[in-house]
């Protein structure tokens, strides 16, 4: 299992068939949950997939958040071993950008005036 294409509020999870096939593959169970900065786990979301489905793009996630993923394959005999992966969504940098107001400046900084704009007085 790999988590690819991190976005501001999305992650794509891809996986392949189990390495050890213990019967006819019936599908997959994917569970995921957010992990906050104090390593506390958030609520678990559960998704099931058919045997031929091996990718999902999860959207509406929180930006700058770590998510933990758990994937297991299923046969008629039950679920196989769980594999785990962790990934971050992209950090939201729009909130940290400085506000730029045109026409305002620091009056203590020198202002460069082009030479052609200076008039020579006689």
PDB file of N, CA and C in Angstrom:
ATOM      1  N   UNK A   1       0.851  -1.169   0.000  1.00  0.00           N
ATOM      2  CA  UNK A   1       0.000   0.000   0.000  1.00  0.00           C
ATOM      3  C   UNK A   1       0.897   1.231   0.000  1.00  0.00           C
ATOM      4  N   UNK A   2       0.516   2.213  -0.819  1.00  0.00           N
ATOM      5  CA  UNK A   2       1.217   3.494  -0.885  1.00  0.00           C
ATOM      6  C   UNK A   2       0.196   4.616  -0.884  1.00  0.00           C
ATOM      7  N   UNK A   3       0.583   5.728  -0.296  1.00  0.00           N
ATOM      8  CA  UNK A   3      -0.239   6.925  -0.336  1.00  0.00           C
ATOM      9  C   UNK A   3       0.492   7.920  -1.228  1.00  0.00           C
ATOM     10  N   UNK A   4      -0.192   8.371  -2.282  1.00  0.00           N
ATOM     11  CA  UNK A   4       0.430   9.235  -3.286  1.00  0.00           C
ATOM     12  C   UNK A   4      -0.409  10.491  -3.494  1.00  0.00           C
ATOM     13  N   UNK A   5       0.140  11.416  -4.254  1.00  0.00           N
ATOM     14  CA  UNK A   5      -0.548  12.644  -4.655  1.00  0.00           C
ATOM     15  C   UNK A   5      -1.182  13.401  -3.493  1.00  0.00           C
ATOM     16  N   UNK A   6      -0.403  13.746  -2.471  1.00  0.00           N
ATOM     17  CA  UNK A   6      -1.010  14.510  -1.380  1.00  0.00           C
ATOM     18  C   UNK A   6      -1.492  15.863  -1.869  1.00  0.00           C
ATOM     19  N   UNK A   7      -2.685  16.226  -1.455  1.00  0.00           N
ATOM     20  CA  UNK A   7      -3.253  17.524  -1.784  1.00  0.00           C
ATOM     21  C   UNK A   7      -3.590  18.269  -0.514  1.00  0.00           C
ATOM     22  N   UNK A   8      -4.132  19.454  -0.671  1.00  0.00           N
ATOM     23  CA  UNK A   8      -4.508  20.265   0.475  1.00  0.00           C
ATOM     24  C   UNK A   8      -5.536  19.549   1.336  1.00  0.00           C
ATOM     25  N   UNK A   9      -6.483  18.875   0.678  1.00  0.00           N
ATOM     26  CA  UNK A   9      -7.540  18.166   1.427  1.00  0.00           C
ATOM     27  C   UNK A   9      -7.794  16.777   0.870  1.00  0.00           C
ATOM     28  N   UNK A  10      -6.767  16.185   0.233  1.00  0.00           N
ATOM     29  CA  UNK A  10      -6.966  14.858  -0.366  1.00  0.00           C
ATOM     30  C   UNK A  10      -5.681  14.037  -0.356  1.00  0.00           C
ATOM     31  N   UNK A  11      -5.869  12.729  -0.373  1.00  0.00           N
ATOM     32  CA  UNK A  11      -4.775  11.760  -0.491  1.00  0.00           C
ATOM     33  C   UNK A  11      -5.279  10.609  -1.348  1.00  0.00           C
ATOM     34  N   UNK A  12      -4.400  10.025  -2.149  1.00  0.00           N
ATOM     35  CA  UNK A  12      -4.753   8.862  -2.956  1.00  0.00           C
ATOM     36  C   UNK A  12      -4.035   7.644  -2.387  1.00  0.00           C
ATOM     37  N   UNK A  13      -4.800   6.592  -2.144  1.00  0.00           N
ATOM     38  CA  UNK A  13      -4.259   5.345  -1.603  1.00  0.00           C
ATOM     39  C   UNK A  13      -4.317   4.297  -2.720  1.00  0.00           C
ATOM     40  N   UNK A  14      -3.188   3.633  -2.971  1.00  0.00           N
ATOM     41  CA  UNK A  14      -3.114   2.579  -3.985  1.00  0.00           C
ATOM     42  C   UNK A  14      -2.541   1.315  -3.347  1.00  0.00           C
ATOM     43  N   UNK A  15      -2.983   0.164  -3.827  1.00  0.00           N
ATOM     44  CA  UNK A  15      -2.495  -1.105  -3.295  1.00  0.00           C
ATOM     45  C   UNK A  15      -2.593  -2.178  -4.363  1.00  0.00           C
ATOM     46  N   UNK A  16      -1.937  -3.280  -4.111  1.00  0.00           N
ATOM     47  CA  UNK A  16      -1.975  -4.414  -5.020  1.00  0.00           C
ATOM     48  C   UNK A  16      -2.525  -5.632  -4.308  1.00  0.00           C
ATOM     49  N   UNK A  17      -2.613  -6.743  -5.007  1.00  0.00           N
ATOM     50  CA  UNK A  17      -3.135  -7.967  -4.389  1.00  0.00           C
ATOM     51  C   UNK A  17      -2.186  -8.481  -3.306  1.00  0.00           C
ATOM     52  N   UNK A  18      -2.678  -9.304  -2.400  1.00  0.00           N
ATOM     53  CA  UNK A  18      -1.823  -9.848  -1.336  1.00  0.00           C
ATOM     54  C   UNK A  18      -0.691 -10.691  -1.912  1.00  0.00           C
ATOM     55  N   UNK A  19       0.442 -10.701  -1.212  1.00  0.00           N
ATOM     56  CA  UNK A  19       1.585 -11.504  -1.648  1.00  0.00           C
ATOM     57  C   UNK A  19       1.304 -12.988  -1.469  1.00  0.00           C
ATOM     58  N   UNK A  20       0.618 -13.346  -0.393  1.00  0.00           N
ATOM     59  CA  UNK A  20       0.243 -14.737  -0.147  1.00  0.00           C
ATOM     60  C   UNK A  20      -1.266 -14.854  -0.266  1.00  0.00           C
ATOM     61  N   UNK A  21      -1.690 -15.542  -1.309  1.00  0.00           N
ATOM     62  CA  UNK A  21      -3.116 -15.673  -1.554  1.00  0.00           C
ATOM     63  C   UNK A  21      -3.652 -16.889  -0.794  1.00  0.00           C
ATOM     64  N   UNK A  22      -4.500 -16.622   0.186  1.00  0.00           N
ATOM     65  CA  UNK A  22      -5.074 -17.704   1.000  1.00  0.00           C
ATOM     66  C   UNK A  22      -6.515 -17.982   0.606  1.00  0.00           C
ATOM     67  N   UNK A  23      -6.717 -18.159  -0.650  1.00  0.00           N
ATOM     68  CA  UNK A  23      -8.072 -18.393  -1.149  1.00  0.00           C
ATOM     69  C   UNK A  23      -8.441 -17.344  -2.184  1.00  0.00           C
ATOM     70  N   UNK A  24      -9.654 -17.433  -2.649  1.00  0.00           N
ATOM     71  CA  UNK A  24     -10.153 -16.507  -3.670  1.00  0.00           C
ATOM     72  C   UNK A  24     -10.398 -15.140  -3.034  1.00  0.00           C
ATOM     73  N   UNK A  25      -9.741 -14.119  -3.578  1.00  0.00           N
ATOM     74  CA  UNK A  25      -9.848 -12.765  -3.063  1.00  0.00           C
ATOM     75  C   UNK A  25     -11.267 -12.236  -3.246  1.00  0.00           C
ATOM     76  N   UNK A  26     -11.872 -11.774  -2.161  1.00  0.00           N
ATOM     77  CA  UNK A  26     -13.241 -11.245  -2.209  1.00  0.00           C
ATOM     78  C   UNK A  26     -13.269  -9.721  -2.204  1.00  0.00           C
ATOM     79  N   UNK A  27     -12.218  -9.088  -1.684  1.00  0.00           N
ATOM     80  CA  UNK A  27     -12.189  -7.632  -1.632  1.00  0.00           C
ATOM     81  C   UNK A  27     -11.205  -7.129  -0.588  1.00  0.00           C
ATOM     82  N   UNK A  28     -11.360  -5.853  -0.263  1.00  0.00           N
ATOM     83  CA  UNK A  28     -10.447  -5.201   0.677  1.00  0.00           C
ATOM     84  C   UNK A  28     -11.241  -4.352   1.666  1.00  0.00           C
ATOM     85  N   UNK A  29     -10.657  -4.171   2.836  1.00  0.00           N
ATOM     86  CA  UNK A  29     -11.187  -3.222   3.813  1.00  0.00           C
ATOM     87  C   UNK A  29     -10.101  -2.197   4.086  1.00  0.00           C
ATOM     88  N   UNK A  30     -10.455  -0.925   3.908  1.00  0.00           N
ATOM     89  CA  UNK A  30      -9.551   0.177   4.198  1.00  0.00           C
ATOM     90  C   UNK A  30     -10.141   0.978   5.346  1.00  0.00           C
ATOM     91  N   UNK A  31      -9.334   1.178   6.377  1.00  0.00           N
ATOM     92  CA  UNK A  31      -9.732   2.026   7.495  1.00  0.00           C
ATOM     93  C   UNK A  31      -8.714   3.160   7.561  1.00  0.00           C
ATOM     94  N   UNK A  32      -9.187   4.342   7.935  1.00  0.00           N
ATOM     95  CA  UNK A  32      -8.260   5.455   8.107  1.00  0.00           C
ATOM     96  C   UNK A  32      -8.774   6.406   9.172  1.00  0.00           C
ATOM     97  N   UNK A  33      -7.819   7.140   9.761  1.00  0.00           N
ATOM     98  CA  UNK A  33      -8.174   8.077  10.813  1.00  0.00           C
ATOM     99  C   UNK A  33      -7.118   9.166  10.912  1.00  0.00           C
ATOM    100  N   UNK A  34      -7.533  10.373  11.330  1.00  0.00           N
ATOM    101  CA  UNK A  34      -6.558  11.450  11.523  1.00  0.00           C
ATOM    102  C   UNK A  34      -5.774  11.238  12.812  1.00  0.00           C
ATOM    103  N   UNK A  35      -4.550  11.770  12.832  1.00  0.00           N
ATOM    104  CA  UNK A  35      -3.692  11.724  14.012  1.00  0.00           C
ATOM    105  C   UNK A  35      -3.317  13.173  14.318  1.00  0.00           C
ATOM    106  N   UNK A  36      -3.676  13.676  15.514  1.00  0.00           N
ATOM    107  CA  UNK A  36      -3.379  15.080  15.812  1.00  0.00           C
ATOM    108  C   UNK A  36      -1.948  15.256  16.305  1.00  0.00           C
ATOM    109  N   UNK A  37      -1.569  16.495  16.621  1.00  0.00           N
ATOM    110  CA  UNK A  37      -0.176  16.799  16.969  1.00  0.00           C
ATOM    111  C   UNK A  37       0.272  16.162  18.281  1.00  0.00           C
ATOM    112  N   UNK A  38      -0.675  15.726  19.108  1.00  0.00           N
ATOM    113  CA  UNK A  38      -0.304  15.026  20.342  1.00  0.00           C
ATOM    114  C   UNK A  38      -0.424  13.517  20.173  1.00  0.00           C
ATOM    115  N   UNK A  39      -0.475  13.054  18.920  1.00  0.00           N
ATOM    116  CA  UNK A  39      -0.544  11.638  18.548  1.00  0.00           C
ATOM    117  C   UNK A  39      -1.845  10.954  18.970  1.00  0.00           C
ATOM    118  N   UNK A  40      -2.874  11.732  19.262  1.00  0.00           N
ATOM    119  CA  UNK A  40      -4.186  11.145  19.568  1.00  0.00           C
ATOM    120  C   UNK A  40      -4.879  10.794  18.261  1.00  0.00           C
ATOM    121  N   UNK A  41      -5.464   9.608  18.224  1.00  0.00           N
ATOM    122  CA  UNK A  41      -6.147   9.139  17.022  1.00  0.00           C
ATOM    123  C   UNK A  41      -7.577   9.638  17.000  1.00  0.00           C
ATOM    124  N   UNK A  42      -8.001  10.097  15.816  1.00  0.00           N
ATOM    125  CA  UNK A  42      -9.370  10.560  15.634  1.00  0.00           C
ATOM    126  C   UNK A  42     -10.286   9.404  15.269  1.00  0.00           C
ATOM    127  N   UNK A  43     -11.534   9.718  14.912  1.00  0.00           N
ATOM    128  CA  UNK A  43     -12.499   8.671  14.572  1.00  0.00           C
ATOM    129  C   UNK A  43     -12.075   7.882  13.323  1.00  0.00           C
ATOM    130  N   UNK A  44     -12.353   6.594  13.350  1.00  0.00           N
ATOM    131  CA  UNK A  44     -12.002   5.703  12.242  1.00  0.00           C
ATOM    132  C   UNK A  44     -13.110   5.703  11.197  1.00  0.00           C
ATOM    133  N   UNK A  45     -12.715   5.829   9.936  1.00  0.00           N
ATOM    134  CA  UNK A  45     -13.655   5.673   8.822  1.00  0.00           C
ATOM    135  C   UNK A  45     -13.314   4.357   8.140  1.00  0.00           C
ATOM    136  N   UNK A  46     -14.342   3.620   7.725  1.00  0.00           N
ATOM    137  CA  UNK A  46     -14.162   2.297   7.130  1.00  0.00           C
ATOM    138  C   UNK A  46     -14.759   2.286   5.727  1.00  0.00           C
ATOM    139  N   UNK A  47     -13.996   1.735   4.788  1.00  0.00           N
ATOM    140  CA  UNK A  47     -14.467   1.596   3.407  1.00  0.00           C
ATOM    141  C   UNK A  47     -14.187   0.169   2.949  1.00  0.00           C
ATOM    142  N   UNK A  48     -15.089  -0.381   2.135  1.00  0.00           N
ATOM    143  CA  UNK A  48     -14.873  -1.715   1.570  1.00  0.00           C
ATOM    144  C   UNK A  48     -14.802  -1.605   0.054  1.00  0.00           C
ATOM    145  N   UNK A  49     -14.022  -2.509  -0.544  1.00  0.00           N
ATOM    146  CA  UNK A  49     -13.781  -2.482  -1.981  1.00  0.00           C
ATOM    147  C   UNK A  49     -13.888  -3.883  -2.553  1.00  0.00           C
ATOM    148  N   UNK A  50     -14.267  -3.959  -3.812  1.00  0.00           N
ATOM    149  CA  UNK A  50     -14.287  -5.213  -4.552  1.00  0.00           C
ATOM    150  C   UNK A  50     -12.849  -5.649  -4.838  1.00  0.00           C
ATOM    151  N   UNK A  51     -12.650  -6.892  -5.205  1.00  0.00           N
ATOM    152  CA  UNK A  51     -11.314  -7.450  -5.450  1.00  0.00           C
ATOM    153  C   UNK A  51     -10.573  -6.728  -6.572  1.00  0.00           C
ATOM    154  N   UNK A  52     -11.301  -6.177  -7.545  1.00  0.00           N
ATOM    155  CA  UNK A  52     -10.655  -5.508  -8.678  1.00  0.00           C
ATOM    156  C   UNK A  52     -10.392  -4.018  -8.429  1.00  0.00           C
ATOM    157  N   UNK A  53     -10.778  -3.497  -7.272  1.00  0.00           N
ATOM    158  CA  UNK A  53     -10.554  -2.096  -6.946  1.00  0.00           C
ATOM    159  C   UNK A  53      -9.277  -1.972  -6.118  1.00  0.00           C
ATOM    160  N   UNK A  54      -8.328  -1.156  -6.610  1.00  0.00           N
ATOM    161  CA  UNK A  54      -7.032  -1.054  -5.928  1.00  0.00           C
ATOM    162  C   UNK A  54      -6.579   0.389  -5.748  1.00  0.00           C
ATOM    163  N   UNK A  55      -7.483   1.337  -5.813  1.00  0.00           N
ATOM    164  CA  UNK A  55      -7.126   2.735  -5.603  1.00  0.00           C
ATOM    165  C   UNK A  55      -8.347   3.523  -5.156  1.00  0.00           C
ATOM    166  N   UNK A  56      -8.093   4.535  -4.340  1.00  0.00           N
ATOM    167  CA  UNK A  56      -9.153   5.446  -3.907  1.00  0.00           C
ATOM    168  C   UNK A  56      -8.520   6.803  -3.629  1.00  0.00           C
ATOM    169  N   UNK A  57      -9.176   7.861  -4.076  1.00  0.00           N
ATOM    170  CA  UNK A  57      -8.771   9.211  -3.706  1.00  0.00           C
ATOM    171  C   UNK A  57      -9.731   9.697  -2.640  1.00  0.00           C
ATOM    172  N   UNK A  58      -9.198   9.953  -1.459  1.00  0.00           N
ATOM    173  CA  UNK A  58     -10.000  10.439  -0.345  1.00  0.00           C
ATOM    174  C   UNK A  58      -9.963  11.961  -0.366  1.00  0.00           C
ATOM    175  N   UNK A  59     -11.125  12.592  -0.344  1.00  0.00           N
ATOM    176  CA  UNK A  59     -11.179  14.049  -0.356  1.00  0.00           C
ATOM    177  C   UNK A  59     -11.901  14.547   0.889  1.00  0.00           C
ATOM    178  N   UNK A  60     -11.973  15.855   1.019  1.00  0.00           N
ATOM    179  CA  UNK A  60     -12.566  16.503   2.193  1.00  0.00           C
ATOM    180  C   UNK A  60     -11.816  16.159   3.472  1.00  0.00           C
ATOM    181  N   UNK A  61     -10.504  15.964   3.359  1.00  0.00           N
ATOM    182  CA  UNK A  61      -9.667  15.730   4.528  1.00  0.00           C
ATOM    183  C   UNK A  61      -9.195  17.083   5.073  1.00  0.00           C
ATOM    184  N   UNK A  62      -8.642  17.084   6.263  1.00  0.00           N
ATOM    185  CA  UNK A  62      -8.105  18.312   6.849  1.00  0.00           C
ATOM    186  C   UNK A  62      -6.706  18.568   6.307  1.00  0.00           C
ATOM    187  N   UNK A  63      -6.401  19.826   6.004  1.00  0.00           N
ATOM    188  CA  UNK A  63      -5.063  20.162   5.518  1.00  0.00           C
ATOM    189  C   UNK A  63      -4.061  20.074   6.666  1.00  0.00           C
ATOM    190  N   UNK A  64      -2.819  19.850   6.301  1.00  0.00           N
ATOM    191  CA  UNK A  64      -1.709  19.763   7.258  1.00  0.00           C
ATOM    192  C   UNK A  64      -1.954  18.711   8.334  1.00  0.00           C
ATOM    193  N   UNK A  65      -2.619  17.618   7.978  1.00  0.00           N
ATOM    194  CA  UNK A  65      -2.996  16.601   8.965  1.00  0.00           C
ATOM    195  C   UNK A  65      -2.361  15.264   8.600  1.00  0.00           C
ATOM    196  N   UNK A  66      -1.894  14.561   9.627  1.00  0.00           N
ATOM    197  CA  UNK A  66      -1.385  13.209   9.445  1.00  0.00           C
ATOM    198  C   UNK A  66      -2.563  12.241   9.494  1.00  0.00           C
ATOM    199  N   UNK A  67      -2.588  11.302   8.559  1.00  0.00           N
ATOM    200  CA  UNK A  67      -3.611  10.258   8.544  1.00  0.00           C
ATOM    201  C   UNK A  67      -2.931   8.901   8.610  1.00  0.00           C
ATOM    202  N   UNK A  68      -3.546   7.981   9.337  1.00  0.00           N
ATOM    203  CA  UNK A  68      -3.054   6.610   9.444  1.00  0.00           C
ATOM    204  C   UNK A  68      -4.035   5.713   8.690  1.00  0.00           C
ATOM    205  N   UNK A  69      -3.485   4.796   7.875  1.00  0.00           N
ATOM    206  CA  UNK A  69      -4.285   3.900   7.041  1.00  0.00           C
ATOM    207  C   UNK A  69      -4.027   2.452   7.423  1.00  0.00           C
ATOM    208  N   UNK A  70      -5.086   1.639   7.364  1.00  0.00           N
ATOM    209  CA  UNK A  70      -5.012   0.208   7.660  1.00  0.00           C
ATOM    210  C   UNK A  70      -5.722  -0.516   6.515  1.00  0.00           C
ATOM    211  N   UNK A  71      -5.041  -1.459   5.869  1.00  0.00           N
ATOM    212  CA  UNK A  71      -5.633  -2.180   4.742  1.00  0.00           C
ATOM    213  C   UNK A  71      -5.520  -3.672   4.980  1.00  0.00           C
ATOM    214  N   UNK A  72      -6.606  -4.387   4.712  1.00  0.00           N
ATOM    215  CA  UNK A  72      -6.562  -5.852   4.766  1.00  0.00           C
ATOM    216  C   UNK A  72      -7.353  -6.413   3.589  1.00  0.00           C
ATOM    217  N   UNK A  73      -6.890  -7.549   3.095  1.00  0.00           N
ATOM    218  CA  UNK A  73      -7.590  -8.264   2.030  1.00  0.00           C
ATOM    219  C   UNK A  73      -8.558  -9.254   2.669  1.00  0.00           C
ATOM    220  N   UNK A  74      -9.650  -9.559   1.949  1.00  0.00           N
ATOM    221  CA  UNK A  74     -10.660 -10.495   2.474  1.00  0.00           C
ATOM    222  C   UNK A  74     -10.865 -11.654   1.506  1.00  0.00           C
ATOM    223  N   UNK A  75     -11.049 -12.830   2.087  1.00  0.00           N
ATOM    224  CA  UNK A  75     -11.504 -14.001   1.334  1.00  0.00           C
ATOM    225  C   UNK A  75     -12.754 -14.513   2.054  1.00  0.00           C
ATOM    226  N   UNK A  76     -13.323 -15.598   1.560  1.00  0.00           N
ATOM    227  CA  UNK A  76     -14.493 -16.142   2.249  1.00  0.00           C
ATOM    228  C   UNK A  76     -14.122 -16.688   3.628  1.00  0.00           C
ATOM    229  N   UNK A  77     -12.823 -16.941   3.837  1.00  0.00           N
ATOM    230  CA  UNK A  77     -12.360 -17.430   5.135  1.00  0.00           C
ATOM    231  C   UNK A  77     -12.179 -16.303   6.151  1.00  0.00           C
ATOM    232  N   UNK A  78     -12.153 -15.048   5.690  1.00  0.00           N
ATOM    233  CA  UNK A  78     -11.970 -13.909   6.593  1.00  0.00           C
ATOM    234  C   UNK A  78     -10.914 -12.944   6.089  1.00  0.00           C
ATOM    235  N   UNK A  79     -10.550 -12.026   6.957  1.00  0.00           N
ATOM    236  CA  UNK A  79      -9.571 -10.994   6.605  1.00  0.00           C
ATOM    237  C   UNK A  79      -8.150 -11.474   6.856  1.00  0.00           C
ATOM    238  N   UNK A  80      -7.260 -10.984   6.011  1.00  0.00           N
ATOM    239  CA  UNK A  80      -5.839 -11.294   6.157  1.00  0.00           C
ATOM    240  C   UNK A  80      -5.153 -10.288   7.066  1.00  0.00           C
ATOM    241  N   UNK A  81      -3.823 -10.335   7.109  1.00  0.00           N
ATOM    242  CA  UNK A  81      -3.069  -9.415   7.955  1.00  0.00           C
ATOM    243  C   UNK A  81      -3.305  -7.957   7.542  1.00  0.00           C
ATOM    244  N   UNK A  82      -3.226  -7.074   8.516  1.00  0.00           N
ATOM    245  CA  UNK A  82      -3.418  -5.641   8.261  1.00  0.00           C
ATOM    246  C   UNK A  82      -2.071  -5.000   7.985  1.00  0.00           C
ATOM    247  N   UNK A  83      -2.009  -4.225   6.902  1.00  0.00           N
ATOM    248  CA  UNK A  83      -0.818  -3.427   6.635  1.00  0.00           C
ATOM    249  C   UNK A  83      -1.179  -1.970   6.914  1.00  0.00           C
ATOM    250  N   UNK A  84      -0.196  -1.209   7.383  1.00  0.00           N
ATOM    251  CA  UNK A  84      -0.461   0.179   7.751  1.00  0.00           C
ATOM    252  C   UNK A  84       0.458   1.130   6.999  1.00  0.00           C
ATOM    253  N   UNK A  85       0.012   2.351   6.903  1.00  0.00           N
ATOM    254  CA  UNK A  85       0.780   3.415   6.250  1.00  0.00           C
ATOM    255  C   UNK A  85       0.311   4.732   6.842  1.00  0.00           C
ATOM    256  N   UNK A  86       1.189   5.731   6.853  1.00  0.00           N
ATOM    257  CA  UNK A  86       0.833   7.066   7.314  1.00  0.00           C
ATOM    258  C   UNK A  86       1.223   8.080   6.258  1.00  0.00           C
ATOM    259  N   UNK A  87       0.436   9.170   6.167  1.00  0.00           N
ATOM    260  CA  UNK A  87       0.741  10.227   5.204  1.00  0.00           C
ATOM    261  C   UNK A  87       0.101  11.532   5.652  1.00  0.00           C
ATOM    262  N   UNK A  88       0.737  12.628   5.259  1.00  0.00           N
ATOM    263  CA  UNK A  88       0.232  13.962   5.551  1.00  0.00           C
ATOM    264  C   UNK A  88      -0.468  14.550   4.335  1.00  0.00           C
ATOM    265  N   UNK A  89      -1.527  15.308   4.580  1.00  0.00           N
ATOM    266  CA  UNK A  89      -2.066  16.169   3.533  1.00  0.00           C
ATOM    267  C   UNK A  89      -1.133  17.377   3.441  1.00  0.00           C
ATOM    268  N   UNK A  90      -1.265  18.145   2.362  1.00  0.00           N
ATOM    269  CA  UNK A  90      -0.396  19.291   2.134  1.00  0.00           C
ATOM    270  C   UNK A  90      -0.706  20.403   3.136  1.00  0.00           C
ATOM    271  N   UNK A  91       0.345  21.087   3.568  1.00  0.00           N
ATOM    272  CA  UNK A  91       0.178  22.181   4.517  1.00  0.00           C
ATOM    273  C   UNK A  91      -0.523  23.356   3.834  1.00  0.00           C
ATOM    274  N   UNK A  92      -1.478  23.944   4.517  1.00  0.00           N
ATOM    275  CA  UNK A  92      -2.178  25.123   4.011  1.00  0.00           C
ATOM    276  C   UNK A  92      -1.324  26.342   4.299  1.00  0.00           C
ATOM    277  N   UNK A  93      -0.653  26.862   3.264  1.00  0.00           N
ATOM    278  CA  UNK A  93       0.225  28.017   3.449  1.00  0.00           C
ATOM    279  C   UNK A  93      -0.480  29.329   3.193  1.00  0.00           C
ATOM    280  N   UNK A  94      -1.705  29.303   2.722  1.00  0.00           N
ATOM    281  CA  UNK A  94      -2.396  30.559   2.408  1.00  0.00           C
ATOM    282  C   UNK A  94      -2.642  31.378   3.652  1.00  0.00           C
ATOM    283  N   UNK A  95      -2.776  30.758   4.809  1.00  0.00           N
ATOM    284  CA  UNK A  95      -3.025  31.499   6.038  1.00  0.00           C
ATOM    285  C   UNK A  95      -1.771  32.180   6.568  1.00  0.00           C
ATOM    286  N   UNK A  96      -0.590  31.752   6.110  1.00  0.00           N
ATOM    287  CA  UNK A  96       0.641  32.317   6.637  1.00  0.00           C
ATOM    288  C   UNK A  96       1.263  33.335   5.688  1.00  0.00           C
ATOM    289  N   UNK A  97       0.657  33.607   4.548  1.00  0.00           N
ATOM    290  CA  UNK A  97       1.184  34.578   3.607  1.00  0.00           C
ATOM    291  C   UNK A  97       0.958  35.988   4.128  1.00  0.00           C
ATOM    292  N   UNK A  98       1.944  36.871   4.001  1.00  0.00           N
ATOM    293  CA  UNK A  98       1.758  38.243   4.467  1.00  0.00           C
ATOM    294  C   UNK A  98       0.768  38.979   3.567  1.00  0.00           C
ATOM    295  N   UNK A  99       0.069  39.929   4.163  1.00  0.00           N
ATOM    296  CA  UNK A  99      -0.855  40.755   3.402  1.00  0.00           C
ATOM    297  C   UNK A  99      -0.074  41.912   2.802  1.00  0.00           C
ATOM    298  N   UNK A 100      -0.202  42.101   1.500  1.00  0.00           N
ATOM    299  CA  UNK A 100       0.501  43.177   0.821  1.00  0.00           C
ATOM    300  C   UNK A 100      -0.531  44.205   0.383  1.00  0.00           C
ATOM    301  N   UNK A 101      -0.339  45.455   0.824  1.00  0.00           N
ATOM    302  CA  UNK A 101      -1.239  46.535   0.453  1.00  0.00           C
ATOM    303  C   UNK A 101      -0.464  47.472  -0.459  1.00  0.00           C
ATOM    304  N   UNK A 102      -0.969  47.686  -1.677  1.00  0.00           N
ATOM    305  CA  UNK A 102      -0.267  48.558  -2.614  1.00  0.00           C
ATOM    306  C   UNK A 102      -0.432  50.007  -2.196  1.00  0.00           C
ATOM    307  N   UNK A 103       0.589  50.811  -2.483  1.00  0.00           N
ATOM    308  CA  UNK A 103       0.536  52.226  -2.149  1.00  0.00           C
ATOM    309  C   UNK A 103       0.971  52.511  -0.726  1.00  0.00           C
ATOM    310  N   UNK A 104       1.261  51.491   0.039  1.00  0.00           N
ATOM    311  CA  UNK A 104       1.715  51.668   1.420  1.00  0.00           C
ATOM    312  C   UNK A 104       3.174  51.243   1.480  1.00  0.00           C
ATOM    313  N   UNK A 105       3.909  51.879   2.293  1.00  0.00           N
ATOM    314  CA  UNK A 105       5.305  51.510   2.417  1.00  0.00           C
ATOM    315  C   UNK A 105       5.861  51.981   3.738  1.00  0.00           C
ATOM    316  N   UNK A 106       7.076  51.592   3.984  1.00  0.00           N
ATOM    317  CA  UNK A 106       7.745  51.991   5.209  1.00  0.00           C
ATOM    318  C   UNK A 106       8.398  53.344   4.958  1.00  0.00           C
ATOM    319  N   UNK A 107       7.958  54.418   5.639  1.00  0.00           N
ATOM    320  CA  UNK A 107       8.504  55.744   5.370  1.00  0.00           C
ATOM    321  C   UNK A 107       9.970  55.879   5.765  1.00  0.00           C
ATOM    322  N   UNK A 108      10.497  54.976   6.547  1.00  0.00           N
ATOM    323  CA  UNK A 108      11.889  55.075   6.958  1.00  0.00           C
ATOM    324  C   UNK A 108      12.848  54.477   5.930  1.00  0.00           C
ATOM    325  N   UNK A 109      12.315  53.773   4.931  1.00  0.00           N
ATOM    326  CA  UNK A 109      13.161  53.192   3.902  1.00  0.00           C
ATOM    327  C   UNK A 109      13.400  54.203   2.797  1.00  0.00           C
ATOM    328  N   UNK A 110      14.617  54.248   2.236  1.00  0.00           N
ATOM    329  CA  UNK A 110      14.864  55.194   1.130  1.00  0.00           C
ATOM    330  C   UNK A 110      14.072  54.804  -0.108  1.00  0.00           C
ATOM    331  N   UNK A 111      13.659  55.781  -0.853  1.00  0.00           N
ATOM    332  CA  UNK A 111      12.896  55.559  -2.074  1.00  0.00           C
ATOM    333  C   UNK A 111      13.797  55.890  -3.237  1.00  0.00           C
ATOM    334  N   UNK A 112      13.878  54.972  -4.184  1.00  0.00           N
ATOM    335  CA  UNK A 112      14.709  55.194  -5.359  1.00  0.00           C
ATOM    336  C   UNK A 112      13.876  55.889  -6.411  1.00  0.00           C
ATOM    337  N   UNK A 113      14.362  57.023  -6.913  1.00  0.00           N
ATOM    338  CA  UNK A 113      13.640  57.790  -7.929  1.00  0.00           C
ATOM    339  C   UNK A 113      14.436  57.688  -9.218  1.00  0.00           C
ATOM    340  N   UNK A 114      13.786  57.304 -10.312  1.00  0.00           N
ATOM    341  CA  UNK A 114      14.503  57.206 -11.588  1.00  0.00           C
ATOM    342  C   UNK A 114      15.088  58.556 -11.990  1.00  0.00           C
ATOM    343  N   UNK A 115      16.268  58.540 -12.613  1.00  0.00           N
ATOM    344  CA  UNK A 115      16.966  59.771 -12.990  1.00  0.00           C
ATOM    345  C   UNK A 115      16.149  60.606 -13.973  1.00  0.00           C
ATOM    346  N   UNK A 116      15.398  59.990 -14.827  1.00  0.00           N
ATOM    347  CA  UNK A 116      14.640  60.740 -15.830  1.00  0.00           C
ATOM    348  C   UNK A 116      13.503  61.538 -15.216  1.00  0.00           C
ATOM    349  N   UNK A 117      13.111  61.248 -14.012  1.00  0.00           N
ATOM    350  CA  UNK A 117      12.004  61.972 -13.397  1.00  0.00           C
ATOM    351  C   UNK A 117      12.466  63.219 -12.650  1.00  0.00           C
ATOM    352  N   UNK A 118      13.797  63.369 -12.461  1.00  0.00           N
ATOM    353  CA  UNK A 118      14.327  64.558 -11.794  1.00  0.00           C
ATOM    354  C   UNK A 118      14.444  65.709 -12.786  1.00  0.00           C
ATOM    355  N   UNK A 119      14.015  66.864 -12.391  1.00  0.00           N
ATOM    356  CA  UNK A 119      14.107  68.032 -13.280  1.00  0.00           C
ATOM    357  C   UNK A 119      15.304  68.871 -12.854  1.00  0.00           C
ATOM    358  N   UNK A 120      16.003  69.329 -13.831  1.00  0.00           N
ATOM    359  CA  UNK A 120      17.168  70.180 -13.550  1.00  0.00           C
ATOM    360  C   UNK A 120      16.690  71.609 -13.472  1.00  0.00           C
ATOM    361  N   UNK A 121      17.002  72.278 -12.391  1.00  0.00           N
ATOM    362  CA  UNK A 121      16.587  73.657 -12.231  1.00  0.00           C
ATOM    363  C   UNK A 121      17.748  74.587 -12.584  1.00  0.00           C
ATOM    364  N   UNK A 122      17.432  75.677 -13.301  1.00  0.00           N
ATOM    365  CA  UNK A 122      18.466  76.634 -13.702  1.00  0.00           C
ATOM    366  C   UNK A 122      18.373  77.860 -12.835  1.00  0.00           C
TER     367      UNK A 122
END
